[in-house]
Amino acid sequence: MLFLSPITAELLSGSAPPVEFFNPFGLMVLVALYGCGAIILRELKIRWHKGYGALLVLGAAYGIIEEGLMVKSFFDPNWMDLGILGVYGRWFGVNWVWSVELTIYHSVVSIVIPIVLVELMYPEIRSQSWIKTKTLKILTIIFIFDVIFGYMFLTAYFPPISLYLATIMVVFILFYVAYRFPESLEFNGQETPPSPRKLWLIGLLWFIVYWLIIFNMLPYTGIPPTITIILGILAFILPYRYFRRFNWKNDIHKLALISGALSFLIFLAPLQEMDKTRPDNPMGMTLVGIAYAVFLLYLKQRVKRSKLKSIN
């Protein structure tokens, strides 16, 4: 998990293509941020006896820590990845459309998906704590120092103190919400999920609608930013309500849904390598997409073997 979270969120997405991702210093920063963050939040989920609903809330808190407190992209109008979102939906010193998009992205892609994938690999210990309290404290210290380093040195932009303090308050509120998250809102329904093929397609369509259409196409249409923000939030809430209806005891269903969502990034990988307009070097992205697809296929076979073993 220490490496799967940054690989999924940064490498597979193309945010940090291979030339950047495998730079030793950059990799250390990403692992300390994503990897430690994912392990810490999973440990809190286990110790607080919570499910993936609470983990989504913790993932949102993580996203705000990274983008709001560390790199400050929530506030910086000149952040390198913003594009039109530096002006579209910017009010009172906050890039609101970007903030909603990245909070959802980090919650789902950076935290929940890597944690679920690793737990699918090791089903016999998925309900157990994986680290001791001392290790948890060490990882938390590493994570905090990484965030402080990013705040101080990654960009020269520093937001107004009032916005920064408000962001810290939101993070603490989300941690409290996760801690108090009711069992009734978890993914513990009784209905049988759709078939794996349908779940794969649902996952793929969700990523296309959420990421491509709402946050990367609508801003160029002239539609009011408030509409884009509302649609983005609905693209998070409505699937959450839909998936809560189902019984997710069959790991094949979980993997199919996740594979569908990540398939969008896998399909996008070679296109990114062919994009000559990128300011960075996307060389190797095709290989990244192929490697991640092979990993998901391997995990599918592993989950099937584990299921047959439990039946026998």
C-alpha atoms as a PDB file:
ATOM      1  CA  MET A   1       0.000   0.000   0.000  1.00  0.00           C
ATOM      2  CA  LEU A   2       2.942   2.298   0.633  1.00  0.00           C
ATOM      3  CA  PHE A   3       3.592   2.341  -3.116  1.00  0.00           C
ATOM      4  CA  LEU A   4       0.212   1.436  -4.644  1.00  0.00           C
ATOM      5  CA  SER A   5      -1.435   4.678  -3.547  1.00  0.00           C
ATOM      6  CA  PRO A   6       1.082   7.015  -5.262  1.00  0.00           C
ATOM      7  CA  ILE A   7       1.327   4.662  -8.260  1.00  0.00           C
ATOM      8  CA  THR A   8      -2.445   4.813  -8.766  1.00  0.00           C
ATOM      9  CA  ALA A   9      -3.021   8.481  -8.004  1.00  0.00           C
ATOM     10  CA  GLU A  10       0.097  10.014  -9.555  1.00  0.00           C
ATOM     11  CA  LEU A  11       1.793   7.595 -11.942  1.00  0.00           C
ATOM     12  CA  LEU A  12      -1.209   5.935 -13.612  1.00  0.00           C
ATOM     13  CA  SER A  13      -3.067   9.246 -13.867  1.00  0.00           C
ATOM     14  CA  GLY A  14      -0.099  10.873 -15.592  1.00  0.00           C
ATOM     15  CA  SER A  15       0.146  13.610 -12.978  1.00  0.00           C
ATOM     16  CA  ALA A  16       3.676  12.337 -12.360  1.00  0.00           C
ATOM     17  CA  PRO A  17       4.807  10.388 -15.451  1.00  0.00           C
ATOM     18  CA  PRO A  18       7.668   7.893 -15.090  1.00  0.00           C
ATOM     19  CA  VAL A  19      10.469  10.422 -15.581  1.00  0.00           C
ATOM     20  CA  GLU A  20       9.131  12.443 -12.636  1.00  0.00           C
ATOM     21  CA  PHE A  21       7.705   9.611 -10.543  1.00  0.00           C
ATOM     22  CA  PHE A  22      10.907   7.576 -10.389  1.00  0.00           C
ATOM     23  CA  ASN A  23      13.086  10.532  -9.520  1.00  0.00           C
ATOM     24  CA  PRO A  24      14.410   9.377  -6.119  1.00  0.00           C
ATOM     25  CA  PHE A  25      13.621  12.595  -4.275  1.00  0.00           C
ATOM     26  CA  GLY A  26      10.190  13.000  -5.846  1.00  0.00           C
ATOM     27  CA  LEU A  27       9.340   9.362  -5.158  1.00  0.00           C
ATOM     28  CA  MET A  28      10.306   9.792  -1.522  1.00  0.00           C
ATOM     29  CA  VAL A  29       8.001  12.811  -1.192  1.00  0.00           C
ATOM     30  CA  LEU A  30       5.102  10.973  -2.883  1.00  0.00           C
ATOM     31  CA  VAL A  31       5.498   7.801  -0.831  1.00  0.00           C
ATOM     32  CA  ALA A  32       5.693   9.788   2.408  1.00  0.00           C
ATOM     33  CA  LEU A  33       2.497  11.609   1.410  1.00  0.00           C
ATOM     34  CA  TYR A  34       0.287   9.071  -0.383  1.00  0.00           C
ATOM     35  CA  GLY A  35       1.681   5.845   1.057  1.00  0.00           C
ATOM     36  CA  CYS A  36       1.821   6.967   4.667  1.00  0.00           C
ATOM     37  CA  GLY A  37      -1.545   8.696   4.287  1.00  0.00           C
ATOM     38  CA  ALA A  38      -3.253   5.544   2.996  1.00  0.00           C
ATOM     39  CA  ILE A  39      -1.765   3.339   5.712  1.00  0.00           C
ATOM     40  CA  ILE A  40      -2.684   5.820   8.453  1.00  0.00           C
ATOM     41  CA  LEU A  41      -6.275   6.187   7.279  1.00  0.00           C
ATOM     42  CA  ARG A  42      -6.784   2.448   6.864  1.00  0.00           C
ATOM     43  CA  GLU A  43      -5.461   1.945  10.384  1.00  0.00           C
ATOM     44  CA  LEU A  44      -7.926   4.535  11.715  1.00  0.00           C
ATOM     45  CA  LYS A  45     -10.751   2.769   9.898  1.00  0.00           C
ATOM     46  CA  ILE A  46      -9.826  -0.533  11.529  1.00  0.00           C
ATOM     47  CA  ARG A  47      -9.244   0.886  15.010  1.00  0.00           C
ATOM     48  CA  TRP A  48     -12.451   2.915  14.889  1.00  0.00           C
ATOM     49  CA  HIS A  49     -14.393  -0.150  13.610  1.00  0.00           C
ATOM     50  CA  LYS A  50     -15.623   1.691  10.533  1.00  0.00           C
ATOM     51  CA  GLY A  51     -16.262   0.765   6.914  1.00  0.00           C
ATOM     52  CA  TYR A  52     -15.620   2.248   3.507  1.00  0.00           C
ATOM     53  CA  GLY A  53     -18.191   4.994   3.976  1.00  0.00           C
ATOM     54  CA  ALA A  54     -16.138   6.459   6.792  1.00  0.00           C
ATOM     55  CA  LEU A  55     -12.998   5.852   4.724  1.00  0.00           C
ATOM     56  CA  LEU A  56     -14.416   8.026   1.931  1.00  0.00           C
ATOM     57  CA  VAL A  57     -14.758  10.834   4.481  1.00  0.00           C
ATOM     58  CA  LEU A  58     -11.189  10.270   5.677  1.00  0.00           C
ATOM     59  CA  GLY A  59     -10.086  10.262   2.046  1.00  0.00           C
ATOM     60  CA  ALA A  60     -11.740  13.638   1.523  1.00  0.00           C
ATOM     61  CA  ALA A  61      -9.817  14.946   4.545  1.00  0.00           C
ATOM     62  CA  TYR A  62      -6.635  13.591   2.989  1.00  0.00           C
ATOM     63  CA  GLY A  63      -7.383  15.360  -0.285  1.00  0.00           C
ATOM     64  CA  ILE A  64      -7.861  18.654   1.522  1.00  0.00           C
ATOM     65  CA  ILE A  65      -4.611  18.165   3.448  1.00  0.00           C
ATOM     66  CA  GLU A  66      -2.660  17.522   0.250  1.00  0.00           C
ATOM     67  CA  GLU A  67      -4.215  20.095  -2.054  1.00  0.00           C
ATOM     68  CA  GLY A  68      -5.223  22.714   0.500  1.00  0.00           C
ATOM     69  CA  LEU A  69      -2.558  22.562   3.183  1.00  0.00           C
ATOM     70  CA  MET A  70       0.485  21.119   1.407  1.00  0.00           C
ATOM     71  CA  VAL A  71       0.596  22.253  -2.233  1.00  0.00           C
ATOM     72  CA  LYS A  72      -2.070  24.961  -1.739  1.00  0.00           C
ATOM     73  CA  SER A  73      -3.626  24.372  -5.166  1.00  0.00           C
ATOM     74  CA  PHE A  74      -7.051  25.101  -3.666  1.00  0.00           C
ATOM     75  CA  PHE A  75      -5.999  28.739  -3.389  1.00  0.00           C
ATOM     76  CA  ASP A  76      -3.155  29.377  -5.851  1.00  0.00           C
ATOM     77  CA  PRO A  77      -4.596  30.836  -9.096  1.00  0.00           C
ATOM     78  CA  ASN A  78      -1.378  29.950 -10.943  1.00  0.00           C
ATOM     79  CA  TRP A  79      -1.065  26.327  -9.857  1.00  0.00           C
ATOM     80  CA  MET A  80       0.470  24.396 -12.778  1.00  0.00           C
ATOM     81  CA  ASP A  81      -2.412  21.949 -13.339  1.00  0.00           C
ATOM     82  CA  LEU A  82      -5.335  24.365 -13.036  1.00  0.00           C
ATOM     83  CA  GLY A  83      -5.771  25.582 -16.586  1.00  0.00           C
ATOM     84  CA  ILE A  84      -9.159  27.259 -16.941  1.00  0.00           C
ATOM     85  CA  LEU A  85     -10.050  26.299 -13.358  1.00  0.00           C
ATOM     86  CA  GLY A  86      -7.717  29.079 -12.168  1.00  0.00           C
ATOM     87  CA  VAL A  87     -10.430  31.560 -13.163  1.00  0.00           C
ATOM     88  CA  TYR A  88     -13.521  29.414 -13.655  1.00  0.00           C
ATOM     89  CA  GLY A  89     -15.184  29.027 -10.266  1.00  0.00           C
ATOM     90  CA  ARG A  90     -12.660  31.115  -8.364  1.00  0.00           C
ATOM     91  CA  TRP A  91     -14.338  33.134  -5.613  1.00  0.00           C
ATOM     92  CA  PHE A  92     -12.925  34.765  -2.488  1.00  0.00           C
ATOM     93  CA  GLY A  93      -9.450  33.401  -3.111  1.00  0.00           C
ATOM     94  CA  VAL A  94     -10.518  29.753  -3.557  1.00  0.00           C
ATOM     95  CA  ASN A  95     -10.519  27.631  -6.737  1.00  0.00           C
ATOM     96  CA  TRP A  96     -13.841  26.006  -5.869  1.00  0.00           C
ATOM     97  CA  VAL A  97     -14.392  23.807  -8.940  1.00  0.00           C
ATOM     98  CA  TRP A  98     -10.852  22.469  -8.703  1.00  0.00           C
ATOM     99  CA  SER A  99     -11.243  21.942  -4.949  1.00  0.00           C
ATOM    100  CA  VAL A 100     -14.352  19.803  -5.356  1.00  0.00           C
ATOM    101  CA  GLU A 101     -12.807  17.799  -8.199  1.00  0.00           C
ATOM    102  CA  LEU A 102      -9.592  17.042  -6.325  1.00  0.00           C
ATOM    103  CA  THR A 103     -11.294  16.268  -3.006  1.00  0.00           C
ATOM    104  CA  ILE A 104     -13.393  13.593  -4.711  1.00  0.00           C
ATOM    105  CA  TYR A 105     -10.413  12.314  -6.700  1.00  0.00           C
ATOM    106  CA  HIS A 106      -8.177  11.867  -3.692  1.00  0.00           C
ATOM    107  CA  SER A 107     -10.941  10.322  -1.609  1.00  0.00           C
ATOM    108  CA  VAL A 108     -11.705   7.667  -4.221  1.00  0.00           C
ATOM    109  CA  VAL A 109      -8.516   7.175  -6.248  1.00  0.00           C
ATOM    110  CA  SER A 110      -5.742   8.057  -3.795  1.00  0.00           C
ATOM    111  CA  ILE A 111      -7.180   6.429  -0.671  1.00  0.00           C
ATOM    112  CA  VAL A 112     -10.158   4.074  -1.024  1.00  0.00           C
ATOM    113  CA  ILE A 113      -9.175   2.260  -4.236  1.00  0.00           C
ATOM    114  CA  PRO A 114      -5.576   1.403  -3.207  1.00  0.00           C
ATOM    115  CA  ILE A 115      -6.747   0.265   0.228  1.00  0.00           C
ATOM    116  CA  VAL A 116      -9.448  -1.979  -1.229  1.00  0.00           C
ATOM    117  CA  LEU A 117      -7.021  -3.434  -3.792  1.00  0.00           C
ATOM    118  CA  VAL A 118      -4.449  -4.342  -1.141  1.00  0.00           C
ATOM    119  CA  GLU A 119      -7.150  -5.837   1.082  1.00  0.00           C
ATOM    120  CA  LEU A 120      -8.310  -7.917  -1.891  1.00  0.00           C
ATOM    121  CA  MET A 121      -4.766  -9.273  -2.147  1.00  0.00           C
ATOM    122  CA  TYR A 122      -4.745 -10.308   1.511  1.00  0.00           C
ATOM    123  CA  PRO A 123      -8.354 -11.184   2.426  1.00  0.00           C
ATOM    124  CA  GLU A 124      -7.324 -13.270   5.433  1.00  0.00           C
ATOM    125  CA  ILE A 125      -6.039 -10.174   7.279  1.00  0.00           C
ATOM    126  CA  ARG A 126      -8.250  -7.448   5.834  1.00  0.00           C
ATOM    127  CA  SER A 127     -10.094  -6.916   9.103  1.00  0.00           C
ATOM    128  CA  GLN A 128      -6.919  -6.789  11.169  1.00  0.00           C
ATOM    129  CA  SER A 129      -4.638  -3.968  12.191  1.00  0.00           C
ATOM    130  CA  TRP A 130      -1.456  -4.066  10.100  1.00  0.00           C
ATOM    131  CA  ILE A 131       0.844  -1.858  12.147  1.00  0.00           C
ATOM    132  CA  LYS A 132       1.621  -1.248  15.795  1.00  0.00           C
ATOM    133  CA  THR A 133       0.837   2.014  17.563  1.00  0.00           C
ATOM    134  CA  LYS A 134       4.512   2.996  17.502  1.00  0.00           C
ATOM    135  CA  THR A 135       4.642   2.515  13.729  1.00  0.00           C
ATOM    136  CA  LEU A 136       1.442   4.509  13.333  1.00  0.00           C
ATOM    137  CA  LYS A 137       3.005   7.396  15.246  1.00  0.00           C
ATOM    138  CA  ILE A 138       6.170   7.249  13.132  1.00  0.00           C
ATOM    139  CA  LEU A 139       4.204   7.240   9.877  1.00  0.00           C
ATOM    140  CA  THR A 140       2.095  10.151  11.120  1.00  0.00           C
ATOM    141  CA  ILE A 141       5.240  12.166  11.932  1.00  0.00           C
ATOM    142  CA  ILE A 142       6.677  11.409   8.469  1.00  0.00           C
ATOM    143  CA  PHE A 143       3.393  12.432   6.861  1.00  0.00           C
ATOM    144  CA  ILE A 144       3.190  15.710   8.811  1.00  0.00           C
ATOM    145  CA  PHE A 145       6.794  16.638   8.025  1.00  0.00           C
ATOM    146  CA  ASP A 146       6.157  15.881   4.342  1.00  0.00           C
ATOM    147  CA  VAL A 147       3.146  18.213   4.352  1.00  0.00           C
ATOM    148  CA  ILE A 148       5.170  20.949   6.081  1.00  0.00           C
ATOM    149  CA  PHE A 149       7.987  20.511   3.562  1.00  0.00           C
ATOM    150  CA  GLY A 150       5.545  20.864   0.683  1.00  0.00           C
ATOM    151  CA  TYR A 151       3.962  23.931   2.215  1.00  0.00           C
ATOM    152  CA  MET A 152       7.310  25.631   2.674  1.00  0.00           C
ATOM    153  CA  PHE A 153       9.194  24.701  -0.493  1.00  0.00           C
ATOM    154  CA  LEU A 154       7.032  23.356  -3.341  1.00  0.00           C
ATOM    155  CA  THR A 155       5.623  26.741  -4.351  1.00  0.00           C
ATOM    156  CA  ALA A 156       6.235  30.362  -3.488  1.00  0.00           C
ATOM    157  CA  TYR A 157       2.507  31.003  -3.059  1.00  0.00           C
ATOM    158  CA  PHE A 158       1.067  31.297   0.451  1.00  0.00           C
ATOM    159  CA  PRO A 159      -2.685  31.792   0.965  1.00  0.00           C
ATOM    160  CA  PRO A 160      -4.193  34.215   3.471  1.00  0.00           C
ATOM    161  CA  ILE A 161      -3.984  32.854   7.001  1.00  0.00           C
ATOM    162  CA  SER A 162      -7.775  33.010   7.383  1.00  0.00           C
ATOM    163  CA  LEU A 163      -8.289  30.593   4.475  1.00  0.00           C
ATOM    164  CA  TYR A 164      -5.569  28.295   5.750  1.00  0.00           C
ATOM    165  CA  LEU A 165      -7.015  28.142   9.259  1.00  0.00           C
ATOM    166  CA  ALA A 166     -10.490  27.494   7.838  1.00  0.00           C
ATOM    167  CA  THR A 167      -9.042  24.603   5.819  1.00  0.00           C
ATOM    168  CA  ILE A 168      -7.456  23.086   8.928  1.00  0.00           C
ATOM    169  CA  MET A 169     -10.811  23.353  10.686  1.00  0.00           C
ATOM    170  CA  VAL A 170     -12.563  21.532   7.825  1.00  0.00           C
ATOM    171  CA  VAL A 171      -9.999  18.716   8.043  1.00  0.00           C
ATOM    172  CA  PHE A 172     -10.639  18.263  11.774  1.00  0.00           C
ATOM    173  CA  ILE A 173     -14.403  18.293  11.176  1.00  0.00           C
ATOM    174  CA  LEU A 174     -14.087  15.548   8.547  1.00  0.00           C
ATOM    175  CA  PHE A 175     -11.992  13.406  10.891  1.00  0.00           C
ATOM    176  CA  TYR A 176     -14.677  13.813  13.547  1.00  0.00           C
ATOM    177  CA  VAL A 177     -17.421  12.939  11.044  1.00  0.00           C
ATOM    178  CA  ALA A 178     -15.505   9.789  10.072  1.00  0.00           C
ATOM    179  CA  TYR A 179     -15.014   8.868  13.737  1.00  0.00           C
ATOM    180  CA  ARG A 180     -18.756   9.246  14.385  1.00  0.00           C
ATOM    181  CA  PHE A 181     -19.840   7.811  11.031  1.00  0.00           C
ATOM    182  CA  PRO A 182     -23.002   5.740  11.606  1.00  0.00           C
ATOM    183  CA  GLU A 183     -23.172   2.091  10.649  1.00  0.00           C
ATOM    184  CA  SER A 184     -26.498   2.761   8.918  1.00  0.00           C
ATOM    185  CA  LEU A 185     -24.696   4.800   6.238  1.00  0.00           C
ATOM    186  CA  GLU A 186     -22.080   2.163   5.436  1.00  0.00           C
ATOM    187  CA  PHE A 187     -22.024  -0.174   2.417  1.00  0.00           C
ATOM    188  CA  ASN A 188     -23.992  -2.938   4.102  1.00  0.00           C
ATOM    189  CA  GLY A 189     -27.088  -3.413   1.937  1.00  0.00           C
ATOM    190  CA  GLN A 190     -28.737  -6.732   1.216  1.00  0.00           C
ATOM    191  CA  GLU A 191     -29.297  -6.583  -2.562  1.00  0.00           C
ATOM    192  CA  THR A 192     -27.125  -8.606  -4.925  1.00  0.00           C
ATOM    193  CA  PRO A 193     -24.842  -6.315  -6.938  1.00  0.00           C
ATOM    194  CA  PRO A 194     -25.034  -6.255 -10.738  1.00  0.00           C
ATOM    195  CA  SER A 195     -22.839  -8.663 -12.663  1.00  0.00           C
ATOM    196  CA  PRO A 196     -19.073  -8.000 -12.729  1.00  0.00           C
ATOM    197  CA  ARG A 197     -19.303  -6.867 -16.364  1.00  0.00           C
ATOM    198  CA  LYS A 198     -22.007  -4.355 -15.521  1.00  0.00           C
ATOM    199  CA  LEU A 199     -20.050  -3.143 -12.503  1.00  0.00           C
ATOM    200  CA  TRP A 200     -16.964  -2.692 -14.687  1.00  0.00           C
ATOM    201  CA  LEU A 201     -19.012  -0.614 -17.113  1.00  0.00           C
ATOM    202  CA  ILE A 202     -20.553   1.410 -14.270  1.00  0.00           C
ATOM    203  CA  GLY A 203     -17.100   2.174 -12.898  1.00  0.00           C
ATOM    204  CA  LEU A 204     -15.839   3.244 -16.313  1.00  0.00           C
ATOM    205  CA  LEU A 205     -18.871   5.434 -17.002  1.00  0.00           C
ATOM    206  CA  TRP A 206     -18.597   7.025 -13.564  1.00  0.00           C
ATOM    207  CA  PHE A 207     -15.024   8.131 -14.197  1.00  0.00           C
ATOM    208  CA  ILE A 208     -15.918   9.442 -17.654  1.00  0.00           C
ATOM    209  CA  VAL A 209     -18.846  11.465 -16.314  1.00  0.00           C
ATOM    210  CA  TYR A 210     -17.125  12.722 -13.159  1.00  0.00           C
ATOM    211  CA  TRP A 211     -13.642  13.476 -14.461  1.00  0.00           C
ATOM    212  CA  LEU A 212     -13.960  13.991 -18.214  1.00  0.00           C
ATOM    213  CA  ILE A 213     -17.409  15.494 -18.733  1.00  0.00           C
ATOM    214  CA  ILE A 214     -18.133  17.422 -15.537  1.00  0.00           C
ATOM    215  CA  PHE A 215     -14.722  18.769 -14.568  1.00  0.00           C
ATOM    216  CA  ASN A 216     -12.801  18.782 -17.859  1.00  0.00           C
ATOM    217  CA  MET A 217     -15.453  19.624 -20.433  1.00  0.00           C
ATOM    218  CA  LEU A 218     -18.212  21.637 -18.758  1.00  0.00           C
ATOM    219  CA  PRO A 219     -15.879  24.495 -17.679  1.00  0.00           C
ATOM    220  CA  TYR A 220     -15.297  25.263 -21.375  1.00  0.00           C
ATOM    221  CA  THR A 221     -18.997  25.457 -22.234  1.00  0.00           C
ATOM    222  CA  GLY A 222     -19.732  28.675 -20.343  1.00  0.00           C
ATOM    223  CA  ILE A 223     -22.064  26.931 -17.896  1.00  0.00           C
ATOM    224  CA  PRO A 224     -22.099  28.672 -14.473  1.00  0.00           C
ATOM    225  CA  PRO A 225     -19.468  27.233 -12.097  1.00  0.00           C
ATOM    226  CA  THR A 226     -22.114  26.605  -9.441  1.00  0.00           C
ATOM    227  CA  ILE A 227     -23.819  24.131 -11.785  1.00  0.00           C
ATOM    228  CA  THR A 228     -20.529  22.313 -12.372  1.00  0.00           C
ATOM    229  CA  ILE A 229     -19.878  22.138  -8.631  1.00  0.00           C
ATOM    230  CA  ILE A 230     -23.366  20.800  -7.912  1.00  0.00           C
ATOM    231  CA  LEU A 231     -23.081  18.189 -10.678  1.00  0.00           C
ATOM    232  CA  GLY A 232     -19.671  17.153  -9.354  1.00  0.00           C
ATOM    233  CA  ILE A 233     -20.996  16.681  -5.839  1.00  0.00           C
ATOM    234  CA  LEU A 234     -23.984  14.727  -7.181  1.00  0.00           C
ATOM    235  CA  ALA A 235     -21.571  12.520  -9.155  1.00  0.00           C
ATOM    236  CA  PHE A 236     -20.116  11.553  -5.785  1.00  0.00           C
ATOM    237  CA  ILE A 237     -23.249  11.354  -3.631  1.00  0.00           C
ATOM    238  CA  LEU A 238     -25.593   9.529  -6.027  1.00  0.00           C
ATOM    239  CA  PRO A 239     -23.247   6.574  -6.722  1.00  0.00           C
ATOM    240  CA  TYR A 240     -22.533   6.376  -2.992  1.00  0.00           C
ATOM    241  CA  ARG A 241     -26.258   6.057  -2.280  1.00  0.00           C
ATOM    242  CA  TYR A 242     -26.657   3.547  -5.107  1.00  0.00           C
ATOM    243  CA  PHE A 243     -23.789   1.278  -4.035  1.00  0.00           C
ATOM    244  CA  ARG A 244     -24.923   1.258  -0.386  1.00  0.00           C
ATOM    245  CA  ARG A 245     -27.847  -0.920  -1.426  1.00  0.00           C
ATOM    246  CA  PHE A 246     -25.665  -3.905  -2.249  1.00  0.00           C
ATOM    247  CA  ASN A 247     -24.002  -6.737  -0.388  1.00  0.00           C
ATOM    248  CA  TRP A 248     -20.282  -6.539  -1.222  1.00  0.00           C
ATOM    249  CA  LYS A 249     -19.132  -9.833   0.297  1.00  0.00           C
ATOM    250  CA  ASN A 250     -18.090 -11.139  -3.136  1.00  0.00           C
ATOM    251  CA  ASP A 251     -14.647  -9.650  -3.836  1.00  0.00           C
ATOM    252  CA  ILE A 252     -15.086 -10.101  -7.590  1.00  0.00           C
ATOM    253  CA  HIS A 253     -17.751  -7.385  -7.482  1.00  0.00           C
ATOM    254  CA  LYS A 254     -15.456  -4.941  -5.713  1.00  0.00           C
ATOM    255  CA  LEU A 255     -12.614  -5.594  -8.125  1.00  0.00           C
ATOM    256  CA  ALA A 256     -14.866  -5.258 -11.178  1.00  0.00           C
ATOM    257  CA  LEU A 257     -16.128  -1.839 -10.085  1.00  0.00           C
ATOM    258  CA  ILE A 258     -12.627  -0.573  -9.295  1.00  0.00           C
ATOM    259  CA  SER A 259     -11.195  -2.011 -12.514  1.00  0.00           C
ATOM    260  CA  GLY A 260     -13.843  -0.186 -14.509  1.00  0.00           C
ATOM    261  CA  ALA A 261     -12.969   3.157 -12.950  1.00  0.00           C
ATOM    262  CA  LEU A 262      -9.218   2.631 -13.392  1.00  0.00           C
ATOM    263  CA  SER A 263      -9.698   1.399 -16.959  1.00  0.00           C
ATOM    264  CA  PHE A 264     -10.331   4.992 -17.975  1.00  0.00           C
ATOM    265  CA  LEU A 265      -6.860   5.950 -16.753  1.00  0.00           C
ATOM    266  CA  ILE A 266      -5.379   2.825 -18.369  1.00  0.00           C
ATOM    267  CA  PHE A 267      -6.960   3.721 -21.736  1.00  0.00           C
ATOM    268  CA  LEU A 268      -5.778   7.304 -21.306  1.00  0.00           C
ATOM    269  CA  ALA A 269      -2.143   6.363 -20.609  1.00  0.00           C
ATOM    270  CA  PRO A 270      -0.956   5.837 -24.226  1.00  0.00           C
ATOM    271  CA  LEU A 271      -2.851   8.942 -25.339  1.00  0.00           C
ATOM    272  CA  GLN A 272      -0.927  10.938 -22.778  1.00  0.00           C
ATOM    273  CA  GLU A 273       2.362   9.650 -24.146  1.00  0.00           C
ATOM    274  CA  MET A 274       1.339  10.753 -27.658  1.00  0.00           C
ATOM    275  CA  ASP A 275       0.346  14.235 -26.486  1.00  0.00           C
ATOM    276  CA  LYS A 276       3.021  16.572 -27.869  1.00  0.00           C
ATOM    277  CA  THR A 277       1.492  19.633 -26.196  1.00  0.00           C
ATOM    278  CA  ARG A 278       2.341  18.521 -22.644  1.00  0.00           C
ATOM    279  CA  PRO A 279       4.963  20.675 -20.931  1.00  0.00           C
ATOM    280  CA  ASP A 280       6.403  17.639 -19.124  1.00  0.00           C
ATOM    281  CA  ASN A 281       7.797  14.384 -20.499  1.00  0.00           C
ATOM    282  CA  PRO A 282       5.093  11.645 -20.663  1.00  0.00           C
ATOM    283  CA  MET A 283       7.467   9.005 -22.034  1.00  0.00           C
ATOM    284  CA  GLY A 284       6.654   5.567 -20.651  1.00  0.00           C
ATOM    285  CA  MET A 285       2.965   6.147 -19.923  1.00  0.00           C
ATOM    286  CA  THR A 286       1.909   3.378 -22.328  1.00  0.00           C
ATOM    287  CA  LEU A 287       4.013   0.924 -20.356  1.00  0.00           C
ATOM    288  CA  VAL A 288       2.467   2.199 -17.112  1.00  0.00           C
ATOM    289  CA  GLY A 289      -1.041   1.540 -18.457  1.00  0.00           C
ATOM    290  CA  ILE A 290      -0.109  -1.969 -19.617  1.00  0.00           C
ATOM    291  CA  ALA A 291       1.593  -2.790 -16.315  1.00  0.00           C
ATOM    292  CA  TYR A 292      -1.397  -1.655 -14.273  1.00  0.00           C
ATOM    293  CA  ALA A 293      -3.784  -3.640 -16.492  1.00  0.00           C
ATOM    294  CA  VAL A 294      -1.635  -6.753 -15.960  1.00  0.00           C
ATOM    295  CA  PHE A 295      -1.698  -6.116 -12.208  1.00  0.00           C
ATOM    296  CA  LEU A 296      -5.523  -5.966 -12.213  1.00  0.00           C
ATOM    297  CA  LEU A 297      -5.735  -9.176 -14.255  1.00  0.00           C
ATOM    298  CA  TYR A 298      -3.346 -10.860 -11.831  1.00  0.00           C
ATOM    299  CA  LEU A 299      -5.426  -9.658  -8.905  1.00  0.00           C
ATOM    300  CA  LYS A 300      -8.575 -10.993 -10.583  1.00  0.00           C
ATOM    301  CA  GLN A 301      -7.045 -14.470 -10.793  1.00  0.00           C
ATOM    302  CA  ARG A 302      -5.838 -14.208  -7.215  1.00  0.00           C
ATOM    303  CA  VAL A 303      -9.320 -13.233  -5.987  1.00  0.00           C
ATOM    304  CA  LYS A 304     -10.879 -16.127  -7.909  1.00  0.00           C
ATOM    305  CA  ARG A 305      -8.419 -18.606  -6.396  1.00  0.00           C
ATOM    306  CA  SER A 306      -9.089 -17.235  -2.944  1.00  0.00           C
ATOM    307  CA  LYS A 307     -12.828 -17.635  -3.485  1.00  0.00           C
ATOM    308  CA  LEU A 308     -12.475 -21.241  -4.648  1.00  0.00           C
ATOM    309  CA  LYS A 309     -10.220 -22.008  -1.683  1.00  0.00           C
ATOM    310  CA  SER A 310     -12.798 -20.619   0.764  1.00  0.00           C
ATOM    311  CA  ILE A 311     -15.556 -22.703  -0.874  1.00  0.00           C
ATOM    312  CA  ASN A 312     -13.521 -25.899  -0.704  1.00  0.00           C
END
